[in-house]
C-alpha atoms as a PDB file:
ATOM      1  CA  UNK A   1      81.416  66.486 115.156  1.00  0.00           C
ATOM      2  CA  UNK A   2      82.705  67.828 118.636  1.00  0.00           C
ATOM      3  CA  UNK A   3      80.105  70.622 117.530  1.00  0.00           C
ATOM      4  CA  UNK A   4      77.399  68.155 117.783  1.00  0.00           C
ATOM      5  CA  UNK A   5      77.947  66.960 120.909  1.00  0.00           C
ATOM      6  CA  UNK A   6      78.274  70.504 122.633  1.00  0.00           C
ATOM      7  CA  UNK A   7      75.170  71.778 121.253  1.00  0.00           C
ATOM      8  CA  UNK A   8      73.482  68.200 122.329  1.00  0.00           C
ATOM      9  CA  UNK A   9      75.590  68.675 125.820  1.00  0.00           C
ATOM     10  CA  UNK A  10      73.712  72.351 125.944  1.00  0.00           C
ATOM     11  CA  UNK A  11      70.415  71.235 125.180  1.00  0.00           C
ATOM     12  CA  UNK A  12      70.439  68.511 127.727  1.00  0.00           C
ATOM     13  CA  UNK A  13      71.669  70.477 130.490  1.00  0.00           C
ATOM     14  CA  UNK A  14      69.230  73.458 129.205  1.00  0.00           C
ATOM     15  CA  UNK A  15      66.145  71.821 129.412  1.00  0.00           C
ATOM     16  CA  UNK A  16      66.436  69.925 132.968  1.00  0.00           C
ATOM     17  CA  UNK A  17      67.315  73.338 134.213  1.00  0.00           C
ATOM     18  CA  UNK A  18      64.155  74.631 132.824  1.00  0.00           C
ATOM     19  CA  UNK A  19      62.268  71.180 133.410  1.00  0.00           C
ATOM     20  CA  UNK A  20      63.737  71.516 137.249  1.00  0.00           C
ATOM     21  CA  UNK A  21      59.633  72.279 138.333  1.00  0.00           C
ATOM     22  CA  UNK A  22      58.200  68.846 136.461  1.00  0.00           C
ATOM     23  CA  UNK A  23      58.975  65.498 137.101  1.00  0.00           C
ATOM     24  CA  UNK A  24      62.013  63.813 134.756  1.00  0.00           C
ATOM     25  CA  UNK A  25      62.046  60.498 133.936  1.00  0.00           C
ATOM     26  CA  UNK A  26      65.040  58.278 133.871  1.00  0.00           C
ATOM     27  CA  UNK A  27      64.976  54.983 132.627  1.00  0.00           C
ATOM     28  CA  UNK A  28      66.415  52.059 130.922  1.00  0.00           C
ATOM     29  CA  UNK A  29      66.059  50.996 127.453  1.00  0.00           C
ATOM     30  CA  UNK A  30      66.997  47.536 125.683  1.00  0.00           C
ATOM     31  CA  UNK A  31      65.648  46.326 122.410  1.00  0.00           C
ATOM     32  CA  UNK A  32      66.195  45.148 118.462  1.00  0.00           C
ATOM     33  CA  UNK A  33      66.740  46.506 115.212  1.00  0.00           C
ATOM     34  CA  UNK A  34      66.766  45.551 111.885  1.00  0.00           C
ATOM     35  CA  UNK A  35      68.456  47.141 108.474  1.00  0.00           C
ATOM     36  CA  UNK A  36      66.413  47.363 105.915  1.00  0.00           C
ATOM     37  CA  UNK A  37      67.342  47.690 101.946  1.00  0.00           C
ATOM     38  CA  UNK A  38      64.888  48.368  98.886  1.00  0.00           C
ATOM     39  CA  UNK A  39      67.757  46.113  96.053  1.00  0.00           C
ATOM     40  CA  UNK A  40      69.935  44.166  97.013  1.00  0.00           C
ATOM     41  CA  UNK A  41      73.327  45.518  95.484  1.00  0.00           C
ATOM     42  CA  UNK A  42      76.177  44.135  94.099  1.00  0.00           C
ATOM     43  CA  UNK A  43      79.764  46.881  94.116  1.00  0.00           C
ATOM     44  CA  UNK A  44      82.119  45.741  91.328  1.00  0.00           C
ATOM     45  CA  UNK A  45      85.528  45.240  92.824  1.00  0.00           C
ATOM     46  CA  UNK A  46      87.730  47.073  89.904  1.00  0.00           C
ATOM     47  CA  UNK A  47      90.784  47.624  91.647  1.00  0.00           C
ATOM     48  CA  UNK A  48      91.676  43.652  92.879  1.00  0.00           C
ATOM     49  CA  UNK A  49      93.541  41.064  91.397  1.00  0.00           C
ATOM     50  CA  UNK A  50      91.559  38.561  93.308  1.00  0.00           C
ATOM     51  CA  UNK A  51      87.779  39.419  93.681  1.00  0.00           C
ATOM     52  CA  UNK A  52      85.287  40.575  90.981  1.00  0.00           C
ATOM     53  CA  UNK A  53      82.590  41.553  93.197  1.00  0.00           C
ATOM     54  CA  UNK A  54      81.038  42.469  96.820  1.00  0.00           C
ATOM     55  CA  UNK A  55      77.114  41.785  98.138  1.00  0.00           C
ATOM     56  CA  UNK A  56      75.145  42.069 100.995  1.00  0.00           C
ATOM     57  CA  UNK A  57      74.261  38.452 102.444  1.00  0.00           C
ATOM     58  CA  UNK A  58      71.956  37.762 105.469  1.00  0.00           C
ATOM     59  CA  UNK A  59      72.235  40.426 108.405  1.00  0.00           C
ATOM     60  CA  UNK A  60      71.601  40.170 111.999  1.00  0.00           C
ATOM     61  CA  UNK A  61      68.954  41.557 113.537  1.00  0.00           C
ATOM     62  CA  UNK A  62      70.821  43.646 115.777  1.00  0.00           C
ATOM     63  CA  UNK A  63      71.046  44.722 119.605  1.00  0.00           C
ATOM     64  CA  UNK A  64      71.007  47.818 121.951  1.00  0.00           C
ATOM     65  CA  UNK A  65      70.748  48.542 125.482  1.00  0.00           C
ATOM     66  CA  UNK A  66      71.416  51.812 127.630  1.00  0.00           C
ATOM     67  CA  UNK A  67      70.036  54.585 129.200  1.00  0.00           C
ATOM     68  CA  UNK A  68      67.397  57.667 128.170  1.00  0.00           C
ATOM     69  CA  UNK A  69      66.011  60.157 129.773  1.00  0.00           C
ATOM     70  CA  UNK A  70      63.261  62.666 129.217  1.00  0.00           C
ATOM     71  CA  UNK A  71      62.052  66.011 130.616  1.00  0.00           C
ATOM     72  CA  UNK A  72      58.778  68.396 129.602  1.00  0.00           C
ATOM     73  CA  UNK A  73      59.965  72.215 127.736  1.00  0.00           C
ATOM     74  CA  UNK A  74      58.352  73.914 125.819  1.00  0.00           C
ATOM     75  CA  UNK A  75      55.170  71.817 125.888  1.00  0.00           C
ATOM     76  CA  UNK A  76      57.207  68.632 124.300  1.00  0.00           C
ATOM     77  CA  UNK A  77      59.429  65.725 125.820  1.00  0.00           C
ATOM     78  CA  UNK A  78      62.801  66.226 125.157  1.00  0.00           C
ATOM     79  CA  UNK A  79      64.335  62.544 125.074  1.00  0.00           C
ATOM     80  CA  UNK A  80      68.138  62.252 124.759  1.00  0.00           C
ATOM     81  CA  UNK A  81      69.326  58.367 124.894  1.00  0.00           C
ATOM     82  CA  UNK A  82      73.074  57.170 125.245  1.00  0.00           C
ATOM     83  CA  UNK A  83      72.901  53.052 123.658  1.00  0.00           C
ATOM     84  CA  UNK A  84      75.212  50.607 123.186  1.00  0.00           C
ATOM     85  CA  UNK A  85      74.282  48.796 119.612  1.00  0.00           C
ATOM     86  CA  UNK A  86      75.385  45.282 118.261  1.00  0.00           C
ATOM     87  CA  UNK A  87      75.430  44.410 114.350  1.00  0.00           C
ATOM     88  CA  UNK A  88      76.027  41.464 112.301  1.00  0.00           C
ATOM     89  CA  UNK A  89      76.099  41.235 108.631  1.00  0.00           C
ATOM     90  CA  UNK A  90      77.597  38.484 106.176  1.00  0.00           C
ATOM     91  CA  UNK A  91      79.287  39.796 102.823  1.00  0.00           C
ATOM     92  CA  UNK A  92      79.185  37.221  99.660  1.00  0.00           C
ATOM     93  CA  UNK A  93      82.751  38.206  98.164  1.00  0.00           C
ATOM     94  CA  UNK A  94      83.073  36.738  94.331  1.00  0.00           C
ATOM     95  CA  UNK A  95      86.324  35.931  93.229  1.00  0.00           C
ATOM     96  CA  UNK A  96      87.958  35.115  89.654  1.00  0.00           C
ATOM     97  CA  UNK A  97      87.326  32.205  89.661  1.00  0.00           C
ATOM     98  CA  UNK A  98      83.709  33.070  90.595  1.00  0.00           C
ATOM     99  CA  UNK A  99      83.502  30.772  93.546  1.00  0.00           C
ATOM    100  CA  UNK A 100      81.623  33.091  96.158  1.00  0.00           C
ATOM    101  CA  UNK A 101      82.967  32.996  99.105  1.00  0.00           C
ATOM    102  CA  UNK A 102      80.867  34.305 102.660  1.00  0.00           C
ATOM    103  CA  UNK A 103      82.484  36.354 105.259  1.00  0.00           C
ATOM    104  CA  UNK A 104      80.913  37.641 108.533  1.00  0.00           C
ATOM    105  CA  UNK A 105      81.302  41.629 110.262  1.00  0.00           C
ATOM    106  CA  UNK A 106      79.837  42.623 113.762  1.00  0.00           C
ATOM    107  CA  UNK A 107      80.833  46.430 114.545  1.00  0.00           C
ATOM    108  CA  UNK A 108      79.310  48.346 117.526  1.00  0.00           C
ATOM    109  CA  UNK A 109      78.306  51.443 117.938  1.00  0.00           C
ATOM    110  CA  UNK A 110      77.278  54.005 120.926  1.00  0.00           C
ATOM    111  CA  UNK A 111      73.786  55.574 119.551  1.00  0.00           C
ATOM    112  CA  UNK A 112      72.923  59.327 120.918  1.00  0.00           C
ATOM    113  CA  UNK A 113      69.244  60.047 119.572  1.00  0.00           C
ATOM    114  CA  UNK A 114      67.866  63.131 120.969  1.00  0.00           C
ATOM    115  CA  UNK A 115      64.007  62.673 120.665  1.00  0.00           C
ATOM    116  CA  UNK A 116      61.389  65.623 120.684  1.00  0.00           C
ATOM    117  CA  UNK A 117      57.861  64.691 120.748  1.00  0.00           C
ATOM    118  CA  UNK A 118      54.428  65.556 122.194  1.00  0.00           C
ATOM    119  CA  UNK A 119      51.932  63.253 123.825  1.00  0.00           C
ATOM    120  CA  UNK A 120      48.436  62.425 123.085  1.00  0.00           C
ATOM    121  CA  UNK A 121      46.669  60.406 126.495  1.00  0.00           C
ATOM    122  CA  UNK A 122      49.120  57.252 126.730  1.00  0.00           C
ATOM    123  CA  UNK A 123      50.838  57.642 123.239  1.00  0.00           C
ATOM    124  CA  UNK A 124      53.615  59.784 121.729  1.00  0.00           C
ATOM    125  CA  UNK A 125      54.808  60.626 118.999  1.00  0.00           C
ATOM    126  CA  UNK A 126      58.417  61.934 118.176  1.00  0.00           C
ATOM    127  CA  UNK A 127      61.097  62.932 115.731  1.00  0.00           C
ATOM    128  CA  UNK A 128      64.995  63.958 116.064  1.00  0.00           C
ATOM    129  CA  UNK A 129      68.578  63.578 114.963  1.00  0.00           C
ATOM    130  CA  UNK A 130      71.234  60.635 115.798  1.00  0.00           C
ATOM    131  CA  UNK A 131      74.748  60.052 115.871  1.00  0.00           C
ATOM    132  CA  UNK A 132      76.118  56.842 115.319  1.00  0.00           C
ATOM    133  CA  UNK A 133      80.153  56.851 117.197  1.00  0.00           C
ATOM    134  CA  UNK A 134      81.693  53.845 116.235  1.00  0.00           C
ATOM    135  CA  UNK A 135      83.365  51.433 118.885  1.00  0.00           C
ATOM    136  CA  UNK A 136      84.852  48.265 117.608  1.00  0.00           C
ATOM    137  CA  UNK A 137      84.486  46.000 114.663  1.00  0.00           C
ATOM    138  CA  UNK A 138      85.540  42.396 114.197  1.00  0.00           C
ATOM    139  CA  UNK A 139      85.234  41.199 110.710  1.00  0.00           C
ATOM    140  CA  UNK A 140      86.165  38.281 108.898  1.00  0.00           C
ATOM    141  CA  UNK A 141      87.296  40.086 105.547  1.00  0.00           C
ATOM    142  CA  UNK A 142      90.503  40.945 106.840  1.00  0.00           C
ATOM    143  CA  UNK A 143      90.627  37.128 105.807  1.00  0.00           C
ATOM    144  CA  UNK A 144      90.143  38.212 102.232  1.00  0.00           C
ATOM    145  CA  UNK A 145      93.279  39.391 100.517  1.00  0.00           C
ATOM    146  CA  UNK A 146      93.666  43.687 100.024  1.00  0.00           C
ATOM    147  CA  UNK A 147      91.099  44.440 102.154  1.00  0.00           C
ATOM    148  CA  UNK A 148      91.066  47.448 104.763  1.00  0.00           C
ATOM    149  CA  UNK A 149      89.121  49.064 106.935  1.00  0.00           C
ATOM    150  CA  UNK A 150      87.525  52.973 106.911  1.00  0.00           C
ATOM    151  CA  UNK A 151      84.851  53.432 109.606  1.00  0.00           C
ATOM    152  CA  UNK A 152      84.264  57.323 110.526  1.00  0.00           C
ATOM    153  CA  UNK A 153      84.307  58.112 113.940  1.00  0.00           C
ATOM    154  CA  UNK A 154      80.813  59.475 113.729  1.00  0.00           C
ATOM    155  CA  UNK A 155      77.810  59.404 111.113  1.00  0.00           C
ATOM    156  CA  UNK A 156      74.833  61.177 111.318  1.00  0.00           C
ATOM    157  CA  UNK A 157      70.512  60.322 110.408  1.00  0.00           C
ATOM    158  CA  UNK A 158      67.183  60.794 111.975  1.00  0.00           C
ATOM    159  CA  UNK A 159      64.778  58.990 113.895  1.00  0.00           C
ATOM    160  CA  UNK A 160      60.907  59.135 113.772  1.00  0.00           C
ATOM    161  CA  UNK A 161      58.360  57.064 115.365  1.00  0.00           C
ATOM    162  CA  UNK A 162      55.418  56.153 118.112  1.00  0.00           C
ATOM    163  CA  UNK A 163      55.170  54.963 121.594  1.00  0.00           C
ATOM    164  CA  UNK A 164      53.321  53.264 124.386  1.00  0.00           C
ATOM    165  CA  UNK A 165      53.299  54.879 128.310  1.00  0.00           C
ATOM    166  CA  UNK A 166      51.878  51.610 130.236  1.00  0.00           C
ATOM    167  CA  UNK A 167      52.318  52.646 133.442  1.00  0.00           C
ATOM    168  CA  UNK A 168      56.623  52.411 134.090  1.00  0.00           C
ATOM    169  CA  UNK A 169      56.946  50.309 130.619  1.00  0.00           C
ATOM    170  CA  UNK A 170      57.731  52.719 127.611  1.00  0.00           C
ATOM    171  CA  UNK A 171      57.737  50.919 124.283  1.00  0.00           C
ATOM    172  CA  UNK A 172      58.964  52.274 120.920  1.00  0.00           C
ATOM    173  CA  UNK A 173      58.311  51.891 117.017  1.00  0.00           C
ATOM    174  CA  UNK A 174      60.925  54.089 115.672  1.00  0.00           C
ATOM    175  CA  UNK A 175      61.838  54.072 111.583  1.00  0.00           C
ATOM    176  CA  UNK A 176      65.799  55.599 111.158  1.00  0.00           C
ATOM    177  CA  UNK A 177      67.435  56.758 108.127  1.00  0.00           C
ATOM    178  CA  UNK A 178      70.753  57.665 107.121  1.00  0.00           C
ATOM    179  CA  UNK A 179      73.012  60.652 105.777  1.00  0.00           C
ATOM    180  CA  UNK A 180      75.631  58.139 104.302  1.00  0.00           C
ATOM    181  CA  UNK A 181      76.009  55.578 102.452  1.00  0.00           C
ATOM    182  CA  UNK A 182      76.216  51.970 103.597  1.00  0.00           C
ATOM    183  CA  UNK A 183      79.103  50.033 103.323  1.00  0.00           C
ATOM    184  CA  UNK A 184      81.651  52.899 103.612  1.00  0.00           C
ATOM    185  CA  UNK A 185      84.234  52.001 105.396  1.00  0.00           C
ATOM    186  CA  UNK A 186      85.441  48.790 102.928  1.00  0.00           C
ATOM    187  CA  UNK A 187      88.428  49.353 100.762  1.00  0.00           C
ATOM    188  CA  UNK A 188      90.518  46.824  98.891  1.00  0.00           C
ATOM    189  CA  UNK A 189      93.945  47.425  97.551  1.00  0.00           C
ATOM    190  CA  UNK A 190      93.633  51.158  98.596  1.00  0.00           C
ATOM    191  CA  UNK A 191      90.258  51.989  96.943  1.00  0.00           C
ATOM    192  CA  UNK A 192      87.066  52.482  98.736  1.00  0.00           C
ATOM    193  CA  UNK A 193      83.581  51.265  97.840  1.00  0.00           C
ATOM    194  CA  UNK A 194      80.281  51.719  99.091  1.00  0.00           C
ATOM    195  CA  UNK A 195      76.837  50.573  98.565  1.00  0.00           C
ATOM    196  CA  UNK A 196      74.121  53.370  96.942  1.00  0.00           C
ATOM    197  CA  UNK A 197      72.046  53.272  99.471  1.00  0.00           C
ATOM    198  CA  UNK A 198      71.639  55.074 103.027  1.00  0.00           C
ATOM    199  CA  UNK A 199      71.007  52.277 105.726  1.00  0.00           C
ATOM    200  CA  UNK A 200      67.897  52.101 106.823  1.00  0.00           C
ATOM    201  CA  UNK A 201      66.342  50.556 110.436  1.00  0.00           C
ATOM    202  CA  UNK A 202      63.087  49.365 112.031  1.00  0.00           C
ATOM    203  CA  UNK A 203      64.031  49.864 116.101  1.00  0.00           C
ATOM    204  CA  UNK A 204      61.966  48.370 118.780  1.00  0.00           C
ATOM    205  CA  UNK A 205      62.500  49.467 122.042  1.00  0.00           C
ATOM    206  CA  UNK A 206      61.641  48.523 125.573  1.00  0.00           C
ATOM    207  CA  UNK A 207      62.113  51.139 128.250  1.00  0.00           C
ATOM    208  CA  UNK A 208      61.887  50.844 132.230  1.00  0.00           C
ATOM    209  CA  UNK A 209      61.331  54.415 133.591  1.00  0.00           C
ATOM    210  CA  UNK A 210      62.963  54.710 137.343  1.00  0.00           C
END
């Protein structure tokens, strides 16, 4: 994990130094994202004496905000960003008496995408890796007997999409895929669970160049 951060930092510094004769761009970025699941899924809680299964209910639209930089290098543009991301989700937990309770969970991550792309007129196309650094979470699952939370410090994925540059506005729509299964932080009675599907997101961002 630390090697990834060091690599991104060195690459960003190298790009900035080599781009010093061109105009470097800095700005702020805000936007919305939503998780996309192809099929709803239920996980069986085999090791719990009080619970039968758990599934995904409603997924809130997430919000992100932060800063970005853009440099030109090797006829491409390189755009690292630092974004605070907040997301909420509702889980449906079935108990042994077949009653279903709804529990809410919120979490905050620091997203570090590094997009590499090119522009055609005012339209840009880009792709690149992204790291998600877990910062904090609050969950009503702690009210459910036997629940433990085991978030990883960092997870990784990729983004690809396109955007428009309109004066100082920077609009982009990205698809994000991840390399870990959704819910891999869930643990009941010492046994870890996750949904077999890797989370994907559609991310809409609006930026303002300084």
